[in-house]
Amino acid sequence: MLNDSRFRTVQSSQVILKELMVPSYANFGGKVHGGVLLSLMDKIAYTCAATHAKAYCVTASVDSVDFVNPVEVGELVTLFASVNYVGRSSMEVGIKVISEDFRQEIVKHTNTSYFTMVAVDEETRKPTAVPGLILQTDQEVRRFVMGKLRKQLRAGHRRDLAELRKTLDQARNLLELEGEHCQLDTHLR
């Protein structure tokens, strides 16, 4: 095994967080509020990234969070976090969330998401370098490559949106509204 402090294993910063879903977490529909789960995800992403970087970290972005199954009050939620990919100062933290109903012995996957975290110097608030990853399994290699590809896709998406934004004017905006489920206020016509 490599003994280089500029690199750390994926396993060395993996985090598991378990929390019981209590009645105060419920939304108006009686399910656990999505914001509660997002907060837990942000907490575990920070813990995982800061453990890897040995530095203060901030959330830079969150890939889509699709809630595939609702979480009920009384269920135990378990979050698994792992650094999948590292750049110079950024890290992609993959998070898997499952919930467990003890009474019915039902375990369900609620969502998977990817948080981009950036290590920052606490005094200057500027990004600071993070250790590289020591990849020890085929799964870690696959996750690293997928993280790199997601980073490239995000950058391409930002460029595409910036270019598209340059082409918009009021005439095109009005044309884009045709067939959509909206109507213009009389002062906009």
C-alpha atoms as a PDB file:
ATOM      1  CA  MET A   1       0.000   0.000   0.000  1.00  0.00           C
ATOM      2  CA  LEU A   2       1.142   3.507  -0.745  1.00  0.00           C
ATOM      3  CA  ASN A   3       2.324   5.465   2.247  1.00  0.00           C
ATOM      4  CA  ASP A   4       2.040   8.980   0.832  1.00  0.00           C
ATOM      5  CA  SER A   5       0.180  11.667   2.810  1.00  0.00           C
ATOM      6  CA  ARG A   6      -0.761  13.357  -0.468  1.00  0.00           C
ATOM      7  CA  PHE A   7      -3.131  10.442  -1.106  1.00  0.00           C
ATOM      8  CA  ARG A   8      -5.801   8.797   1.049  1.00  0.00           C
ATOM      9  CA  THR A   9      -7.917   5.729   0.584  1.00  0.00           C
ATOM     10  CA  VAL A  10     -11.606   6.021  -0.179  1.00  0.00           C
ATOM     11  CA  GLN A  11     -12.340   3.914   2.873  1.00  0.00           C
ATOM     12  CA  SER A  12     -10.480   6.292   5.203  1.00  0.00           C
ATOM     13  CA  SER A  13     -13.168   8.953   4.842  1.00  0.00           C
ATOM     14  CA  GLN A  14     -16.319   6.892   4.331  1.00  0.00           C
ATOM     15  CA  VAL A  15     -19.108   7.872   6.719  1.00  0.00           C
ATOM     16  CA  ILE A  16     -22.364   6.250   7.808  1.00  0.00           C
ATOM     17  CA  LEU A  17     -25.028   8.327   9.533  1.00  0.00           C
ATOM     18  CA  LYS A  18     -28.179   6.855  11.070  1.00  0.00           C
ATOM     19  CA  GLU A  19     -31.075   8.898  12.326  1.00  0.00           C
ATOM     20  CA  LEU A  20     -34.555   8.047  13.529  1.00  0.00           C
ATOM     21  CA  MET A  21     -37.278  10.016  11.755  1.00  0.00           C
ATOM     22  CA  VAL A  22     -39.281  11.735  14.506  1.00  0.00           C
ATOM     23  CA  PRO A  23     -42.716  13.411  14.292  1.00  0.00           C
ATOM     24  CA  SER A  24     -41.204  16.913  14.160  1.00  0.00           C
ATOM     25  CA  TYR A  25     -39.651  15.957  10.773  1.00  0.00           C
ATOM     26  CA  ALA A  26     -43.061  15.408   9.159  1.00  0.00           C
ATOM     27  CA  ASN A  27     -44.409  17.587   6.365  1.00  0.00           C
ATOM     28  CA  PHE A  28     -48.090  18.434   5.842  1.00  0.00           C
ATOM     29  CA  GLY A  29     -48.617  15.096   4.088  1.00  0.00           C
ATOM     30  CA  GLY A  30     -47.349  13.123   7.077  1.00  0.00           C
ATOM     31  CA  LYS A  31     -44.139  12.008   5.367  1.00  0.00           C
ATOM     32  CA  VAL A  32     -40.633  13.116   6.342  1.00  0.00           C
ATOM     33  CA  HIS A  33     -39.950  16.533   4.843  1.00  0.00           C
ATOM     34  CA  GLY A  34     -37.491  16.436   1.942  1.00  0.00           C
ATOM     35  CA  GLY A  35     -35.621  19.354   3.488  1.00  0.00           C
ATOM     36  CA  VAL A  36     -34.791  17.221   6.525  1.00  0.00           C
ATOM     37  CA  LEU A  37     -33.232  14.589   4.276  1.00  0.00           C
ATOM     38  CA  LEU A  38     -31.346  17.252   2.296  1.00  0.00           C
ATOM     39  CA  SER A  39     -29.967  18.675   5.530  1.00  0.00           C
ATOM     40  CA  LEU A  40     -28.772  15.229   6.623  1.00  0.00           C
ATOM     41  CA  MET A  41     -27.220  14.687   3.195  1.00  0.00           C
ATOM     42  CA  ASP A  42     -25.375  18.006   3.392  1.00  0.00           C
ATOM     43  CA  LYS A  43     -24.154  17.134   6.885  1.00  0.00           C
ATOM     44  CA  ILE A  44     -22.752  13.766   5.839  1.00  0.00           C
ATOM     45  CA  ALA A  45     -21.251  15.223   2.639  1.00  0.00           C
ATOM     46  CA  TYR A  46     -19.405  17.800   4.747  1.00  0.00           C
ATOM     47  CA  THR A  47     -18.207  15.167   7.225  1.00  0.00           C
ATOM     48  CA  CYS A  48     -16.946  12.887   4.482  1.00  0.00           C
ATOM     49  CA  ALA A  49     -15.217  15.677   2.513  1.00  0.00           C
ATOM     50  CA  ALA A  50     -13.667  17.322   5.588  1.00  0.00           C
ATOM     51  CA  THR A  51     -12.388  13.950   6.777  1.00  0.00           C
ATOM     52  CA  HIS A  52     -10.709  13.365   3.431  1.00  0.00           C
ATOM     53  CA  ALA A  53      -9.366  16.908   3.009  1.00  0.00           C
ATOM     54  CA  LYS A  54      -8.516  17.480   6.682  1.00  0.00           C
ATOM     55  CA  ALA A  55      -9.840  20.977   6.006  1.00  0.00           C
ATOM     56  CA  TYR A  56     -12.979  23.081   6.177  1.00  0.00           C
ATOM     57  CA  CYS A  57     -15.248  22.338   3.194  1.00  0.00           C
ATOM     58  CA  VAL A  58     -18.210  24.036   1.567  1.00  0.00           C
ATOM     59  CA  THR A  59     -20.970  22.668  -0.629  1.00  0.00           C
ATOM     60  CA  ALA A  60     -20.426  23.895  -4.199  1.00  0.00           C
ATOM     61  CA  SER A  61     -23.251  22.039  -5.935  1.00  0.00           C
ATOM     62  CA  VAL A  62     -25.658  19.166  -5.630  1.00  0.00           C
ATOM     63  CA  ASP A  63     -26.601  16.962  -8.545  1.00  0.00           C
ATOM     64  CA  SER A  64     -30.276  16.165  -8.845  1.00  0.00           C
ATOM     65  CA  VAL A  65     -31.883  14.647  -5.805  1.00  0.00           C
ATOM     66  CA  ASP A  66     -34.693  12.364  -6.879  1.00  0.00           C
ATOM     67  CA  PHE A  67     -36.810  11.056  -4.033  1.00  0.00           C
ATOM     68  CA  VAL A  68     -37.710   7.582  -5.301  1.00  0.00           C
ATOM     69  CA  ASN A  69     -39.482   6.413  -2.129  1.00  0.00           C
ATOM     70  CA  PRO A  70     -41.091   8.406   0.691  1.00  0.00           C
ATOM     71  CA  VAL A  71     -39.695   8.220   4.202  1.00  0.00           C
ATOM     72  CA  GLU A  72     -42.163   7.682   7.021  1.00  0.00           C
ATOM     73  CA  VAL A  73     -42.016   9.015  10.547  1.00  0.00           C
ATOM     74  CA  GLY A  74     -40.664   6.235  12.781  1.00  0.00           C
ATOM     75  CA  GLU A  75     -38.320   4.823  10.163  1.00  0.00           C
ATOM     76  CA  LEU A  76     -34.568   4.665  10.598  1.00  0.00           C
ATOM     77  CA  VAL A  77     -32.724   6.475   7.827  1.00  0.00           C
ATOM     78  CA  THR A  78     -29.172   5.430   7.010  1.00  0.00           C
ATOM     79  CA  LEU A  79     -26.927   7.589   4.833  1.00  0.00           C
ATOM     80  CA  PHE A  80     -23.727   6.236   3.293  1.00  0.00           C
ATOM     81  CA  ALA A  81     -21.146   8.728   2.004  1.00  0.00           C
ATOM     82  CA  SER A  82     -17.937   8.203   0.118  1.00  0.00           C
ATOM     83  CA  VAL A  83     -15.500  10.427  -1.779  1.00  0.00           C
ATOM     84  CA  ASN A  84     -15.834   9.226  -5.369  1.00  0.00           C
ATOM     85  CA  TYR A  85     -13.646  11.718  -7.223  1.00  0.00           C
ATOM     86  CA  VAL A  86     -11.184  14.468  -6.354  1.00  0.00           C
ATOM     87  CA  GLY A  87      -9.909  17.386  -8.371  1.00  0.00           C
ATOM     88  CA  ARG A  88      -7.429  19.977  -7.163  1.00  0.00           C
ATOM     89  CA  SER A  89      -9.640  21.421  -4.417  1.00  0.00           C
ATOM     90  CA  SER A  90     -12.994  19.802  -5.126  1.00  0.00           C
ATOM     91  CA  MET A  91     -14.388  16.413  -4.229  1.00  0.00           C
ATOM     92  CA  GLU A  92     -17.446  14.554  -5.378  1.00  0.00           C
ATOM     93  CA  VAL A  93     -19.149  12.838  -2.462  1.00  0.00           C
ATOM     94  CA  GLY A  94     -21.596  10.110  -3.400  1.00  0.00           C
ATOM     95  CA  ILE A  95     -24.469   9.616  -0.978  1.00  0.00           C
ATOM     96  CA  LYS A  96     -26.903   6.732  -0.805  1.00  0.00           C
ATOM     97  CA  VAL A  97     -29.920   6.960   1.486  1.00  0.00           C
ATOM     98  CA  ILE A  98     -32.025   4.050   2.655  1.00  0.00           C
ATOM     99  CA  SER A  99     -34.892   3.890   5.116  1.00  0.00           C
ATOM    100  CA  GLU A 100     -35.942   0.983   7.276  1.00  0.00           C
ATOM    101  CA  ASP A 101     -39.320   0.179   8.760  1.00  0.00           C
ATOM    102  CA  PHE A 102     -38.572  -2.084  11.730  1.00  0.00           C
ATOM    103  CA  ARG A 103     -42.157  -3.245  12.266  1.00  0.00           C
ATOM    104  CA  GLN A 104     -42.683  -4.482   8.730  1.00  0.00           C
ATOM    105  CA  GLU A 105     -39.032  -5.355   8.105  1.00  0.00           C
ATOM    106  CA  ILE A 106     -38.991  -3.242   4.942  1.00  0.00           C
ATOM    107  CA  VAL A 107     -35.805  -1.598   3.698  1.00  0.00           C
ATOM    108  CA  LYS A 108     -36.087   0.801   0.774  1.00  0.00           C
ATOM    109  CA  HIS A 109     -33.685   2.940  -1.196  1.00  0.00           C
ATOM    110  CA  THR A 110     -34.879   6.537  -1.018  1.00  0.00           C
ATOM    111  CA  ASN A 111     -32.287   8.338  -3.119  1.00  0.00           C
ATOM    112  CA  THR A 112     -28.736   8.673  -4.360  1.00  0.00           C
ATOM    113  CA  SER A 113     -27.071  12.005  -4.950  1.00  0.00           C
ATOM    114  CA  TYR A 114     -23.702  13.552  -5.622  1.00  0.00           C
ATOM    115  CA  PHE A 115     -22.463  16.592  -3.716  1.00  0.00           C
ATOM    116  CA  THR A 116     -19.526  18.632  -4.965  1.00  0.00           C
ATOM    117  CA  MET A 117     -17.583  19.872  -1.977  1.00  0.00           C
ATOM    118  CA  VAL A 118     -14.660  22.308  -2.055  1.00  0.00           C
ATOM    119  CA  ALA A 119     -11.927  22.514   0.571  1.00  0.00           C
ATOM    120  CA  VAL A 120     -11.207  26.093   1.585  1.00  0.00           C
ATOM    121  CA  ASP A 121      -8.579  27.754   3.719  1.00  0.00           C
ATOM    122  CA  GLU A 122     -10.308  28.972   6.873  1.00  0.00           C
ATOM    123  CA  GLU A 123      -8.398  32.284   6.922  1.00  0.00           C
ATOM    124  CA  THR A 124      -8.343  33.267   3.260  1.00  0.00           C
ATOM    125  CA  ARG A 125     -11.555  31.461   2.240  1.00  0.00           C
ATOM    126  CA  LYS A 126      -9.756  30.475  -0.972  1.00  0.00           C
ATOM    127  CA  PRO A 127      -9.881  26.912  -2.315  1.00  0.00           C
ATOM    128  CA  THR A 128      -7.080  24.718  -1.026  1.00  0.00           C
ATOM    129  CA  ALA A 129      -5.610  21.508  -2.441  1.00  0.00           C
ATOM    130  CA  VAL A 130      -6.971  18.156  -1.312  1.00  0.00           C
ATOM    131  CA  PRO A 131      -5.238  14.768  -1.194  1.00  0.00           C
ATOM    132  CA  GLY A 132      -5.687  12.421  -4.120  1.00  0.00           C
ATOM    133  CA  LEU A 133      -7.483   9.106  -3.853  1.00  0.00           C
ATOM    134  CA  ILE A 134      -5.936   5.687  -3.558  1.00  0.00           C
ATOM    135  CA  LEU A 135      -8.269   3.441  -5.564  1.00  0.00           C
ATOM    136  CA  GLN A 136      -8.304  -0.102  -4.185  1.00  0.00           C
ATOM    137  CA  THR A 137     -11.271  -1.795  -5.865  1.00  0.00           C
ATOM    138  CA  ASP A 138     -12.872  -1.977  -9.296  1.00  0.00           C
ATOM    139  CA  GLN A 139     -15.911  -0.222  -7.834  1.00  0.00           C
ATOM    140  CA  GLU A 140     -13.741   2.694  -6.615  1.00  0.00           C
ATOM    141  CA  VAL A 141     -12.176   2.976 -10.074  1.00  0.00           C
ATOM    142  CA  ARG A 142     -15.641   3.001 -11.692  1.00  0.00           C
ATOM    143  CA  ARG A 143     -16.925   5.625  -9.244  1.00  0.00           C
ATOM    144  CA  PHE A 144     -13.851   7.821  -9.829  1.00  0.00           C
ATOM    145  CA  VAL A 145     -14.299   7.660 -13.604  1.00  0.00           C
ATOM    146  CA  MET A 146     -18.049   8.336 -13.335  1.00  0.00           C
ATOM    147  CA  GLY A 147     -17.309  11.295 -11.024  1.00  0.00           C
ATOM    148  CA  LYS A 148     -14.884  12.701 -13.575  1.00  0.00           C
ATOM    149  CA  LEU A 149     -17.480  12.299 -16.332  1.00  0.00           C
ATOM    150  CA  ARG A 150     -20.198  13.953 -14.210  1.00  0.00           C
ATOM    151  CA  LYS A 151     -17.832  16.890 -13.611  1.00  0.00           C
ATOM    152  CA  GLN A 152     -17.276  17.224 -17.364  1.00  0.00           C
ATOM    153  CA  LEU A 153     -21.031  17.032 -18.030  1.00  0.00           C
ATOM    154  CA  ARG A 154     -21.738  19.744 -15.436  1.00  0.00           C
ATOM    155  CA  ALA A 155     -19.134  22.024 -17.019  1.00  0.00           C
ATOM    156  CA  GLY A 156     -20.588  21.386 -20.478  1.00  0.00           C
ATOM    157  CA  HIS A 157     -24.104  22.032 -19.199  1.00  0.00           C
ATOM    158  CA  ARG A 158     -23.020  25.391 -17.710  1.00  0.00           C
ATOM    159  CA  ARG A 159     -21.379  26.367 -21.025  1.00  0.00           C
ATOM    160  CA  ASP A 160     -24.456  25.330 -23.020  1.00  0.00           C
ATOM    161  CA  LEU A 161     -26.768  27.364 -20.762  1.00  0.00           C
ATOM    162  CA  ALA A 162     -24.508  30.421 -21.015  1.00  0.00           C
ATOM    163  CA  GLU A 163     -24.537  30.177 -24.824  1.00  0.00           C
ATOM    164  CA  LEU A 164     -28.296  29.669 -24.898  1.00  0.00           C
ATOM    165  CA  ARG A 165     -28.821  32.655 -22.601  1.00  0.00           C
ATOM    166  CA  LYS A 166     -27.002  34.852 -25.149  1.00  0.00           C
ATOM    167  CA  THR A 167     -29.565  33.936 -27.846  1.00  0.00           C
ATOM    168  CA  LEU A 168     -32.627  34.892 -25.835  1.00  0.00           C
ATOM    169  CA  ASP A 169     -34.516  38.084 -26.495  1.00  0.00           C
ATOM    170  CA  GLN A 170     -38.131  39.058 -25.892  1.00  0.00           C
ATOM    171  CA  ALA A 171     -39.304  37.811 -29.303  1.00  0.00           C
ATOM    172  CA  ARG A 172     -37.681  34.403 -28.786  1.00  0.00           C
ATOM    173  CA  ASN A 173     -38.988  34.261 -25.208  1.00  0.00           C
ATOM    174  CA  LEU A 174     -42.544  34.786 -26.473  1.00  0.00           C
ATOM    175  CA  LEU A 175     -42.017  32.146 -29.183  1.00  0.00           C
ATOM    176  CA  GLU A 176     -40.786  29.643 -26.565  1.00  0.00           C
ATOM    177  CA  LEU A 177     -44.040  30.125 -24.622  1.00  0.00           C
ATOM    178  CA  GLU A 178     -46.215  28.796 -27.452  1.00  0.00           C
ATOM    179  CA  GLY A 179     -47.961  25.594 -26.389  1.00  0.00           C
ATOM    180  CA  GLU A 180     -46.839  25.923 -22.780  1.00  0.00           C
ATOM    181  CA  HIS A 181     -49.142  25.851 -19.768  1.00  0.00           C
ATOM    182  CA  CYS A 182     -49.037  29.591 -19.084  1.00  0.00           C
ATOM    183  CA  GLN A 183     -50.646  32.825 -20.233  1.00  0.00           C
ATOM    184  CA  LEU A 184     -49.293  36.343 -20.555  1.00  0.00           C
ATOM    185  CA  ASP A 185     -50.566  39.162 -18.431  1.00  0.00           C
ATOM    186  CA  THR A 186     -52.138  41.831 -20.619  1.00  0.00           C
ATOM    187  CA  HIS A 187     -49.261  44.314 -20.149  1.00  0.00           C
ATOM    188  CA  LEU A 188     -46.781  41.803 -21.649  1.00  0.00           C
ATOM    189  CA  ARG A 189     -48.651  41.246 -24.934  1.00  0.00           C
END
